[in-house]
Amino acid sequence: MPSRSWCCNRPIVETMQYLFLKSQCADKVWQYFSLGAGLTHGVSLQQVFQRWWKHPANVYLKPLYQALPYVVVWELWKRRKKRRYGGNIYLNRLISQVLATLHNLLVYRFPKMKRLSSNWPELVSELESYIPRLHYRRACWEFPSGQWIQCKTDGAPRGNPGKSGAAVVFRDAAGDFLCTATCSN
C-alpha cells in the first residue's frame, strides 16, 4: 500500500513515478535540465532515463547526460527523506546540488577542464563547443657517448598470472650489436 507523499505539501499517494517525475518539484527539476539540453519531458521514469542515455552528444557531454538521471533521482530521494524527518531542501538548492555533482564528475573525467559554468544551459553550450588545447614538444633520440652501451628491452605477458616473455638487446655507442638475452616461462 503506497503511503502519503513526503515530497509535496499536498496529501497524495506516493509512488515512484510521482516522487521522481510527476511531483511539482521533480517536474521543475526535469524541466530545468531537459530544456537546457534540448530534450522533451518523458512520460515515464524509464522513458526519461532512456532519453538521457540515447541523446546524441560529444565525448564531454555524454557522461553528464548518462549520469544526470541518477543524480536527479538521488537528490529527489534525499529531499524526500529530509522532509520526512522535519527538514527541507528547496528547489534551487536541489538543482545546485545536482550541478555540483555533475561538475565534480566532469573534473574527475577531464581534469584539464577549468572554469566551467555553474549554469546548466551555459555549461551544455560550453561543452558542445569545447576544443581541448593540445600541448606538444619535439623529442629527438641521440646516440650515447663513446663510453655508453644502449640497452633495449621488451616484454609481453599472456594474462596475469600466465605465460610471459622478455628480451634485451645491447648495442654500443655506434649502434652495433653486442649481445642479446631472452627468457620465458
C-alpha atoms as a PDB file:
ATOM      1  CA  MET A   1       0.000   0.000   0.000  1.00  0.00           C
ATOM      2  CA  PRO A   2       1.549   3.331  -1.029  1.00  0.00           C
ATOM      3  CA  SER A   3       1.974   5.916   1.693  1.00  0.00           C
ATOM      4  CA  ARG A   4       1.293   9.649   1.850  1.00  0.00           C
ATOM      5  CA  SER A   5       3.762  11.676  -0.173  1.00  0.00           C
ATOM      6  CA  TRP A   6       6.534  13.466   1.739  1.00  0.00           C
ATOM      7  CA  CYS A   7       7.848  15.268  -1.324  1.00  0.00           C
ATOM      8  CA  CYS A   8       4.980  17.787  -1.606  1.00  0.00           C
ATOM      9  CA  ASN A   9       2.702  19.822   0.614  1.00  0.00           C
ATOM     10  CA  ARG A  10      -0.393  18.235  -0.949  1.00  0.00           C
ATOM     11  CA  PRO A  11      -1.540  14.955   0.603  1.00  0.00           C
ATOM     12  CA  ILE A  12      -1.268  12.496  -2.279  1.00  0.00           C
ATOM     13  CA  VAL A  13      -0.366   8.830  -2.641  1.00  0.00           C
ATOM     14  CA  GLU A  14       3.379   8.459  -3.124  1.00  0.00           C
ATOM     15  CA  THR A  15       4.582   6.268  -5.980  1.00  0.00           C
ATOM     16  CA  MET A  16       7.973   6.142  -7.678  1.00  0.00           C
ATOM     17  CA  GLN A  17       6.506   7.858 -10.749  1.00  0.00           C
ATOM     18  CA  TYR A  18       5.077  10.621  -8.616  1.00  0.00           C
ATOM     19  CA  LEU A  19       8.101  11.088  -6.366  1.00  0.00           C
ATOM     20  CA  PHE A  20      10.753  11.121  -9.100  1.00  0.00           C
ATOM     21  CA  LEU A  21       8.840  12.504 -12.092  1.00  0.00           C
ATOM     22  CA  LYS A  22       5.338  13.890 -11.535  1.00  0.00           C
ATOM     23  CA  SER A  23       5.623  15.856  -8.291  1.00  0.00           C
ATOM     24  CA  GLN A  24       5.837  19.622  -8.624  1.00  0.00           C
ATOM     25  CA  CYS A  25       9.468  19.738  -7.503  1.00  0.00           C
ATOM     26  CA  ALA A  26      10.557  16.793  -9.688  1.00  0.00           C
ATOM     27  CA  ASP A  27       8.784  18.275 -12.701  1.00  0.00           C
ATOM     28  CA  LYS A  28      10.585  21.605 -12.294  1.00  0.00           C
ATOM     29  CA  VAL A  29      13.975  19.903 -11.885  1.00  0.00           C
ATOM     30  CA  TRP A  30      13.475  17.754 -15.002  1.00  0.00           C
ATOM     31  CA  GLN A  31      12.236  20.790 -16.954  1.00  0.00           C
ATOM     32  CA  TYR A  32      15.304  22.819 -15.990  1.00  0.00           C
ATOM     33  CA  PHE A  33      17.747  20.170 -17.172  1.00  0.00           C
ATOM     34  CA  SER A  34      15.697  18.988 -20.172  1.00  0.00           C
ATOM     35  CA  LEU A  35      15.283  22.476 -21.624  1.00  0.00           C
ATOM     36  CA  GLY A  36      18.991  23.189 -21.183  1.00  0.00           C
ATOM     37  CA  ALA A  37      19.878  20.046 -23.145  1.00  0.00           C
ATOM     38  CA  GLY A  38      17.127  20.338 -25.761  1.00  0.00           C
ATOM     39  CA  LEU A  39      15.227  17.247 -24.593  1.00  0.00           C
ATOM     40  CA  THR A  40      11.498  16.744 -24.251  1.00  0.00           C
ATOM     41  CA  HIS A  41       9.971  15.700 -20.960  1.00  0.00           C
ATOM     42  CA  GLY A  42       9.355  11.944 -20.575  1.00  0.00           C
ATOM     43  CA  VAL A  43       6.064  10.275 -19.727  1.00  0.00           C
ATOM     44  CA  SER A  44       7.560   7.548 -17.538  1.00  0.00           C
ATOM     45  CA  LEU A  45      10.718   7.351 -15.450  1.00  0.00           C
ATOM     46  CA  GLN A  46      12.087   4.619 -17.718  1.00  0.00           C
ATOM     47  CA  GLN A  47      11.489   6.844 -20.741  1.00  0.00           C
ATOM     48  CA  VAL A  48      13.321   9.732 -19.077  1.00  0.00           C
ATOM     49  CA  PHE A  49      16.368   7.536 -18.408  1.00  0.00           C
ATOM     50  CA  GLN A  50      16.350   6.212 -21.983  1.00  0.00           C
ATOM     51  CA  ARG A  51      16.094   9.684 -23.497  1.00  0.00           C
ATOM     52  CA  TRP A  52      19.050  10.953 -21.488  1.00  0.00           C
ATOM     53  CA  TRP A  53      21.136   7.869 -22.273  1.00  0.00           C
ATOM     54  CA  LYS A  54      20.366   7.948 -26.010  1.00  0.00           C
ATOM     55  CA  HIS A  55      20.557  11.716 -26.506  1.00  0.00           C
ATOM     56  CA  PRO A  56      23.314  12.427 -29.052  1.00  0.00           C
ATOM     57  CA  ALA A  57      26.264  14.230 -27.508  1.00  0.00           C
ATOM     58  CA  ASN A  58      30.005  14.683 -27.819  1.00  0.00           C
ATOM     59  CA  VAL A  59      32.553  12.903 -25.640  1.00  0.00           C
ATOM     60  CA  TYR A  60      32.345  15.619 -22.952  1.00  0.00           C
ATOM     61  CA  LEU A  61      28.553  15.797 -22.637  1.00  0.00           C
ATOM     62  CA  LYS A  62      27.792  12.068 -22.931  1.00  0.00           C
ATOM     63  CA  PRO A  63      28.941  11.147 -19.386  1.00  0.00           C
ATOM     64  CA  LEU A  64      26.907  14.047 -17.967  1.00  0.00           C
ATOM     65  CA  TYR A  65      23.775  13.068 -19.887  1.00  0.00           C
ATOM     66  CA  GLN A  66      24.133   9.471 -18.723  1.00  0.00           C
ATOM     67  CA  ALA A  67      24.766  10.380 -15.078  1.00  0.00           C
ATOM     68  CA  LEU A  68      22.169  13.149 -14.803  1.00  0.00           C
ATOM     69  CA  PRO A  69      19.036  10.986 -14.297  1.00  0.00           C
ATOM     70  CA  TYR A  70      20.717   9.059 -11.489  1.00  0.00           C
ATOM     71  CA  VAL A  71      21.904  12.242  -9.790  1.00  0.00           C
ATOM     72  CA  VAL A  72      18.466  13.884 -10.057  1.00  0.00           C
ATOM     73  CA  VAL A  73      16.714  10.818  -8.639  1.00  0.00           C
ATOM     74  CA  TRP A  74      19.261  10.634  -5.797  1.00  0.00           C
ATOM     75  CA  GLU A  75      18.802  14.309  -4.899  1.00  0.00           C
ATOM     76  CA  LEU A  76      14.997  13.980  -5.039  1.00  0.00           C
ATOM     77  CA  TRP A  77      15.253  10.993  -2.701  1.00  0.00           C
ATOM     78  CA  LYS A  78      17.452  12.960  -0.290  1.00  0.00           C
ATOM     79  CA  ARG A  79      14.897  15.790  -0.364  1.00  0.00           C
ATOM     80  CA  ARG A  80      12.069  13.367   0.418  1.00  0.00           C
ATOM     81  CA  LYS A  81      13.981  11.908   3.381  1.00  0.00           C
ATOM     82  CA  LYS A  82      14.848  15.376   4.682  1.00  0.00           C
ATOM     83  CA  ARG A  83      11.187  16.493   4.514  1.00  0.00           C
ATOM     84  CA  ARG A  84      10.016  13.311   6.181  1.00  0.00           C
ATOM     85  CA  TYR A  85      12.211  13.992   9.208  1.00  0.00           C
ATOM     86  CA  GLY A  86      11.421  17.669   9.625  1.00  0.00           C
ATOM     87  CA  GLY A  87      13.834  19.465   7.297  1.00  0.00           C
ATOM     88  CA  ASN A  88      13.538  20.802   3.795  1.00  0.00           C
ATOM     89  CA  ILE A  89      15.649  21.223   0.679  1.00  0.00           C
ATOM     90  CA  TYR A  90      14.397  23.938  -1.620  1.00  0.00           C
ATOM     91  CA  LEU A  91      14.285  23.630  -5.407  1.00  0.00           C
ATOM     92  CA  ASN A  92      17.226  25.963  -6.101  1.00  0.00           C
ATOM     93  CA  ARG A  93      19.373  24.083  -3.589  1.00  0.00           C
ATOM     94  CA  LEU A  94      18.421  20.750  -5.147  1.00  0.00           C
ATOM     95  CA  ILE A  95      19.360  21.987  -8.637  1.00  0.00           C
ATOM     96  CA  SER A  96      22.659  23.394  -7.378  1.00  0.00           C
ATOM     97  CA  GLN A  97      23.460  20.050  -5.700  1.00  0.00           C
ATOM     98  CA  VAL A  98      22.805  18.205  -8.977  1.00  0.00           C
ATOM     99  CA  LEU A  99      25.018  20.700 -10.823  1.00  0.00           C
ATOM    100  CA  ALA A 100      27.790  20.356  -8.219  1.00  0.00           C
ATOM    101  CA  THR A 101      27.768  16.566  -8.579  1.00  0.00           C
ATOM    102  CA  LEU A 102      27.882  16.824 -12.384  1.00  0.00           C
ATOM    103  CA  HIS A 103      30.676  19.388 -12.143  1.00  0.00           C
ATOM    104  CA  ASN A 104      32.670  17.014  -9.911  1.00  0.00           C
ATOM    105  CA  LEU A 105      32.130  14.240 -12.457  1.00  0.00           C
ATOM    106  CA  LEU A 106      33.466  16.488 -15.225  1.00  0.00           C
ATOM    107  CA  VAL A 107      36.532  17.497 -13.235  1.00  0.00           C
ATOM    108  CA  TYR A 108      37.204  13.846 -12.401  1.00  0.00           C
ATOM    109  CA  ARG A 109      36.790  12.646 -16.009  1.00  0.00           C
ATOM    110  CA  PHE A 110      38.529  15.617 -17.651  1.00  0.00           C
ATOM    111  CA  PRO A 111      40.953  17.144 -15.107  1.00  0.00           C
ATOM    112  CA  LYS A 112      42.308  19.751 -17.536  1.00  0.00           C
ATOM    113  CA  MET A 113      38.931  21.477 -17.890  1.00  0.00           C
ATOM    114  CA  LYS A 114      38.951  24.664 -15.887  1.00  0.00           C
ATOM    115  CA  ARG A 115      36.490  27.468 -15.185  1.00  0.00           C
ATOM    116  CA  LEU A 116      33.269  25.713 -16.152  1.00  0.00           C
ATOM    117  CA  SER A 117      29.928  27.479 -15.817  1.00  0.00           C
ATOM    118  CA  SER A 118      27.655  26.643 -12.901  1.00  0.00           C
ATOM    119  CA  ASN A 119      24.593  27.405 -15.048  1.00  0.00           C
ATOM    120  CA  TRP A 120      23.286  24.267 -16.828  1.00  0.00           C
ATOM    121  CA  PRO A 121      22.375  25.796 -20.236  1.00  0.00           C
ATOM    122  CA  GLU A 122      25.708  27.652 -20.340  1.00  0.00           C
ATOM    123  CA  LEU A 123      27.599  24.507 -19.308  1.00  0.00           C
ATOM    124  CA  VAL A 124      25.941  22.498 -22.098  1.00  0.00           C
ATOM    125  CA  SER A 125      26.816  25.233 -24.593  1.00  0.00           C
ATOM    126  CA  GLU A 126      30.440  25.355 -23.380  1.00  0.00           C
ATOM    127  CA  LEU A 127      30.849  21.596 -23.632  1.00  0.00           C
ATOM    128  CA  GLU A 128      29.243  21.422 -27.085  1.00  0.00           C
ATOM    129  CA  SER A 129      31.855  23.807 -28.444  1.00  0.00           C
ATOM    130  CA  TYR A 130      34.789  22.698 -26.249  1.00  0.00           C
ATOM    131  CA  ILE A 131      38.067  22.064 -28.064  1.00  0.00           C
ATOM    132  CA  PRO A 132      40.904  20.859 -25.837  1.00  0.00           C
ATOM    133  CA  ARG A 133      44.245  22.650 -26.031  1.00  0.00           C
ATOM    134  CA  LEU A 134      46.920  20.290 -27.222  1.00  0.00           C
ATOM    135  CA  HIS A 135      50.444  20.666 -25.916  1.00  0.00           C
ATOM    136  CA  TYR A 136      53.325  19.041 -27.683  1.00  0.00           C
ATOM    137  CA  ARG A 137      57.086  19.125 -27.735  1.00  0.00           C
ATOM    138  CA  ARG A 138      59.599  17.628 -30.089  1.00  0.00           C
ATOM    139  CA  ALA A 139      61.521  14.605 -28.853  1.00  0.00           C
ATOM    140  CA  CYS A 140      64.695  13.503 -30.612  1.00  0.00           C
ATOM    141  CA  TRP A 141      66.823  10.463 -29.783  1.00  0.00           C
ATOM    142  CA  GLU A 142      70.591  10.926 -29.750  1.00  0.00           C
ATOM    143  CA  PHE A 143      73.345   8.332 -29.849  1.00  0.00           C
ATOM    144  CA  PRO A 144      75.001   7.780 -26.465  1.00  0.00           C
ATOM    145  CA  SER A 145      78.597   8.956 -25.987  1.00  0.00           C
ATOM    146  CA  GLY A 146      81.531   6.598 -26.674  1.00  0.00           C
ATOM    147  CA  GLN A 147      81.621   5.061 -23.188  1.00  0.00           C
ATOM    148  CA  TRP A 148      77.955   4.062 -23.032  1.00  0.00           C
ATOM    149  CA  ILE A 149      76.083   0.910 -24.001  1.00  0.00           C
ATOM    150  CA  GLN A 150      72.468   1.070 -25.141  1.00  0.00           C
ATOM    151  CA  CYS A 151      70.046  -1.475 -23.637  1.00  0.00           C
ATOM    152  CA  LYS A 152      66.613  -2.038 -25.267  1.00  0.00           C
ATOM    153  CA  THR A 153      64.044  -4.241 -23.553  1.00  0.00           C
ATOM    154  CA  ASP A 154      60.625  -5.613 -24.397  1.00  0.00           C
ATOM    155  CA  GLY A 155      58.198  -8.000 -22.754  1.00  0.00           C
ATOM    156  CA  ALA A 156      54.761  -9.498 -23.238  1.00  0.00           C
ATOM    157  CA  PRO A 157      52.539 -11.221 -20.645  1.00  0.00           C
ATOM    158  CA  ARG A 158      49.687 -13.565 -21.535  1.00  0.00           C
ATOM    159  CA  GLY A 159      47.355 -12.916 -18.642  1.00  0.00           C
ATOM    160  CA  ASN A 160      48.156 -12.323 -15.014  1.00  0.00           C
ATOM    161  CA  PRO A 161      49.349 -14.793 -13.831  1.00  0.00           C
ATOM    162  CA  GLY A 162      50.242 -16.577 -17.034  1.00  0.00           C
ATOM    163  CA  LYS A 163      52.956 -17.154 -19.563  1.00  0.00           C
ATOM    164  CA  SER A 164      55.238 -14.247 -20.325  1.00  0.00           C
ATOM    165  CA  GLY A 165      58.399 -13.468 -22.204  1.00  0.00           C
ATOM    166  CA  ALA A 166      61.085 -10.803 -22.190  1.00  0.00           C
ATOM    167  CA  ALA A 167      64.098  -9.883 -24.305  1.00  0.00           C
ATOM    168  CA  VAL A 168      67.026  -7.497 -24.057  1.00  0.00           C
ATOM    169  CA  VAL A 169      69.434  -6.241 -26.744  1.00  0.00           C
ATOM    170  CA  PHE A 170      72.731  -4.479 -26.021  1.00  0.00           C
ATOM    171  CA  ARG A 171      74.367  -2.130 -28.553  1.00  0.00           C
ATOM    172  CA  ASP A 172      77.452   0.044 -28.368  1.00  0.00           C
ATOM    173  CA  ALA A 173      77.623   3.819 -28.911  1.00  0.00           C
ATOM    174  CA  ALA A 174      77.787   3.320 -32.708  1.00  0.00           C
ATOM    175  CA  GLY A 175      74.616   1.201 -32.652  1.00  0.00           C
ATOM    176  CA  ASP A 176      76.451  -2.062 -33.399  1.00  0.00           C
ATOM    177  CA  PHE A 177      75.091  -5.284 -31.882  1.00  0.00           C
ATOM    178  CA  LEU A 178      76.884  -6.577 -28.778  1.00  0.00           C
ATOM    179  CA  CYS A 179      74.659  -9.329 -27.330  1.00  0.00           C
ATOM    180  CA  THR A 180      71.081 -10.359 -26.581  1.00  0.00           C
ATOM    181  CA  ALA A 181      69.191 -12.357 -23.966  1.00  0.00           C
ATOM    182  CA  THR A 182      65.663 -13.769 -23.752  1.00  0.00           C
ATOM    183  CA  CYS A 183      63.591 -15.573 -21.177  1.00  0.00           C
ATOM    184  CA  SER A 184      60.093 -17.015 -20.968  1.00  0.00           C
ATOM    185  CA  ASN A 185      58.043 -19.269 -18.748  1.00  0.00           C
END
